[in-house]
Protein backbone atom coordinates (compact mmCIF):
# COMPACT_ATOMS: atom_id res chain seq x y z
CA UNK A 1 20.88 63.85 -96.74
CA UNK A 2 20.46 61.13 -99.51
CA UNK A 3 23.63 60.42 -101.21
CA UNK A 4 22.84 58.75 -104.89
CA UNK A 5 25.50 56.17 -105.99
CA UNK A 6 25.82 56.38 -109.56
CA UNK A 7 25.68 52.88 -111.92
CA UNK A 8 22.93 50.85 -110.39
CA UNK A 9 22.64 47.25 -111.51
CA UNK A 10 25.27 46.28 -113.98
CA UNK A 11 28.59 48.37 -114.06
CA UNK A 12 29.85 49.51 -117.25
CA UNK A 13 33.66 48.69 -118.06
CA UNK A 14 34.46 52.27 -119.15
CA UNK A 15 34.25 55.81 -118.21
CA UNK A 16 33.77 57.46 -121.64
CA UNK A 17 34.64 61.05 -120.40
CA UNK A 18 37.18 62.35 -118.02
CA UNK A 19 39.41 65.00 -118.83
CA UNK A 20 43.19 64.55 -118.69
CA UNK A 21 43.25 67.61 -116.35
CA UNK A 22 41.59 65.63 -113.61
CA UNK A 23 44.43 63.04 -113.89
CA UNK A 24 47.05 65.77 -113.45
CA UNK A 25 45.10 67.16 -110.37
CA UNK A 26 45.21 64.03 -108.78
CA UNK A 27 48.86 63.41 -109.51
CA UNK A 28 49.65 66.99 -108.23
CA UNK A 29 47.52 66.38 -105.16
CA UNK A 30 49.72 63.27 -104.51
CA UNK A 31 53.02 64.77 -104.82
CA UNK A 32 52.02 67.90 -102.60
CA UNK A 33 51.25 65.41 -99.62
CA UNK A 34 54.28 63.36 -99.81
CA UNK A 35 55.57 61.67 -97.96
CA UNK A 36 51.91 60.82 -97.16
CA UNK A 37 48.89 59.22 -98.99
CA UNK A 38 46.36 61.84 -100.54
CA UNK A 39 42.53 61.13 -100.91
CA UNK A 40 39.97 62.80 -102.60
CA UNK A 41 36.59 62.51 -104.66
CA UNK A 42 35.45 62.86 -108.08
CA UNK A 43 31.82 63.97 -108.56
CA UNK A 44 29.79 64.32 -111.67
CA UNK A 45 26.77 63.54 -113.48
CA UNK A 46 25.82 60.88 -115.94
CA UNK A 47 28.90 58.69 -115.36
CA UNK A 48 31.05 61.58 -116.26
CA UNK A 49 33.54 63.02 -113.73
CA UNK A 50 33.05 66.86 -113.44
CA UNK A 51 35.54 67.90 -111.33
CA UNK A 52 38.45 66.84 -108.68
CA UNK A 53 37.89 67.75 -104.86
CA UNK A 54 40.90 66.95 -102.84
CA UNK A 55 40.24 66.02 -99.22
CA UNK A 56 42.05 66.43 -95.89
CA UNK A 57 43.41 63.09 -94.43
CA UNK A 58 43.29 62.81 -90.64
CA UNK A 59 46.44 61.53 -89.18
CA UNK A 60 48.48 61.57 -92.51
CA UNK A 61 50.56 58.51 -92.87
CA UNK A 62 52.85 57.07 -95.92
CA UNK A 63 50.61 53.84 -95.90
CA UNK A 64 47.04 54.85 -95.17
CA UNK A 65 44.43 57.63 -95.34
CA UNK A 66 41.17 58.77 -93.51
CA UNK A 67 39.10 61.13 -95.17
CA UNK A 68 37.79 64.14 -92.69
CA UNK A 69 34.21 63.04 -92.08
CA UNK A 70 33.28 66.87 -91.46
CA UNK A 71 34.81 67.60 -94.87
CA UNK A 72 32.95 64.90 -96.62
CA UNK A 73 29.31 65.89 -95.43
CA UNK A 74 30.26 69.43 -96.50
CA UNK A 75 31.12 68.26 -99.81
CA UNK A 76 28.32 65.61 -100.15
CA UNK A 77 26.05 68.48 -99.49
CA UNK A 78 27.25 70.62 -102.17
CA UNK A 79 27.05 67.65 -104.60
CA UNK A 80 23.72 66.96 -103.82
CA UNK A 81 22.51 70.80 -104.18
CA UNK A 82 24.41 70.58 -107.71
CA UNK A 83 22.54 67.44 -108.58
CA UNK A 84 25.85 65.52 -108.68
CA UNK A 85 26.74 61.99 -107.70
CA UNK A 86 29.84 60.36 -106.39
CA UNK A 87 31.49 58.84 -109.60
CA UNK A 88 34.70 58.16 -107.89
CA UNK A 89 37.22 57.99 -104.99
CA UNK A 90 41.07 58.31 -105.16
CA UNK A 91 44.22 57.99 -103.09
CA UNK A 92 47.61 57.65 -103.48
CA UNK A 93 50.39 54.99 -102.96
CA UNK A 94 53.51 57.30 -102.34
CA UNK A 95 56.14 54.39 -102.54
CA UNK A 96 53.74 51.46 -103.72
CA UNK A 97 52.23 50.23 -106.99
CA UNK A 98 48.97 51.72 -108.44
CA UNK A 99 47.21 48.61 -107.44
CA UNK A 100 44.96 48.19 -104.35
CA UNK A 101 46.50 46.95 -101.23
CA UNK A 102 44.89 44.58 -98.53
CA UNK A 103 43.97 47.44 -96.64
CA UNK A 104 42.29 49.24 -99.42
CA UNK A 105 39.98 46.14 -99.97
CA UNK A 106 39.24 46.01 -96.17
CA UNK A 107 38.14 49.56 -96.14
CA UNK A 108 36.36 49.69 -99.52
CA UNK A 109 32.57 50.00 -99.05
CA UNK A 110 31.33 52.10 -102.00
CA UNK A 111 29.90 49.76 -104.73
CA UNK A 112 29.32 51.27 -108.05
CA UNK A 113 32.10 54.03 -107.71
CA UNK A 114 35.58 53.78 -109.19
CA UNK A 115 38.69 53.72 -107.02
CA UNK A 116 41.32 55.53 -108.30
CA UNK A 117 45.14 54.73 -107.24
CA UNK A 118 47.73 57.06 -107.80
CA UNK A 119 51.12 55.47 -107.72
CA UNK A 120 54.45 57.65 -106.82
CA UNK A 121 56.48 54.74 -107.03
CA UNK A 122 58.49 56.10 -110.08
CA UNK A 123 58.21 60.06 -109.45
CA UNK A 124 59.05 60.73 -112.86
CA UNK A 125 56.39 58.74 -114.30
CA UNK A 126 53.56 58.60 -111.91
CA UNK A 127 50.76 56.02 -112.89
CA UNK A 128 47.18 56.04 -112.06
CA UNK A 129 44.94 53.11 -112.43
CA UNK A 130 41.08 52.62 -111.77
CA UNK A 131 39.07 49.55 -110.09
CA UNK A 132 35.69 48.90 -109.22
CA UNK A 133 34.60 46.68 -106.20
CA UNK A 134 32.72 43.64 -107.09
CA UNK A 135 31.79 40.67 -104.98
CA UNK A 136 34.33 41.71 -102.47
CA UNK A 137 37.15 42.12 -104.87
CA UNK A 138 38.91 44.99 -107.08
CA UNK A 139 38.38 44.55 -110.99
CA UNK A 140 40.76 46.94 -112.93
CA UNK A 141 38.66 49.05 -115.02
CA UNK A 142 39.63 51.21 -118.14
CA UNK A 143 39.45 55.03 -117.84
CA UNK A 144 39.41 57.12 -121.36
CA UNK A 145 41.07 60.37 -120.50
CA UNK A 146 39.40 62.43 -123.24
CA UNK A 147 39.98 66.12 -124.05
CA UNK A 148 36.68 67.92 -125.00
CA UNK A 149 36.63 70.80 -127.61
């Protein structure tokens, strides 16, 4: 199985299309998994997220996640059949900020995808921030949540 990672070469600073429903879906998944971190992936085409796929975290914990490898294989096989690529990966910080932790950086190895972090530090006002991995560091990127007519 081959996995095509988008954004060869230079990475654009914005995703121009991501529906607000996807942001809500990531937040809802994070709330459902409390007190543990949640995780999932965002497939799509042409730098546009097409859906949110919540994944199972093995050994759930409030300060780490580990995506189920068998589920990942199933999802990536389905993505390949549908002509999708990996646009983003998301996880939550149940009590921390919406910025990558040292552990997040140590475990990040997908260049060219966007890492979304859902913070539930303020449960009444969850935050979602996005980052790309560049030269061994995370750089914050802007995501436009756009409603399509």
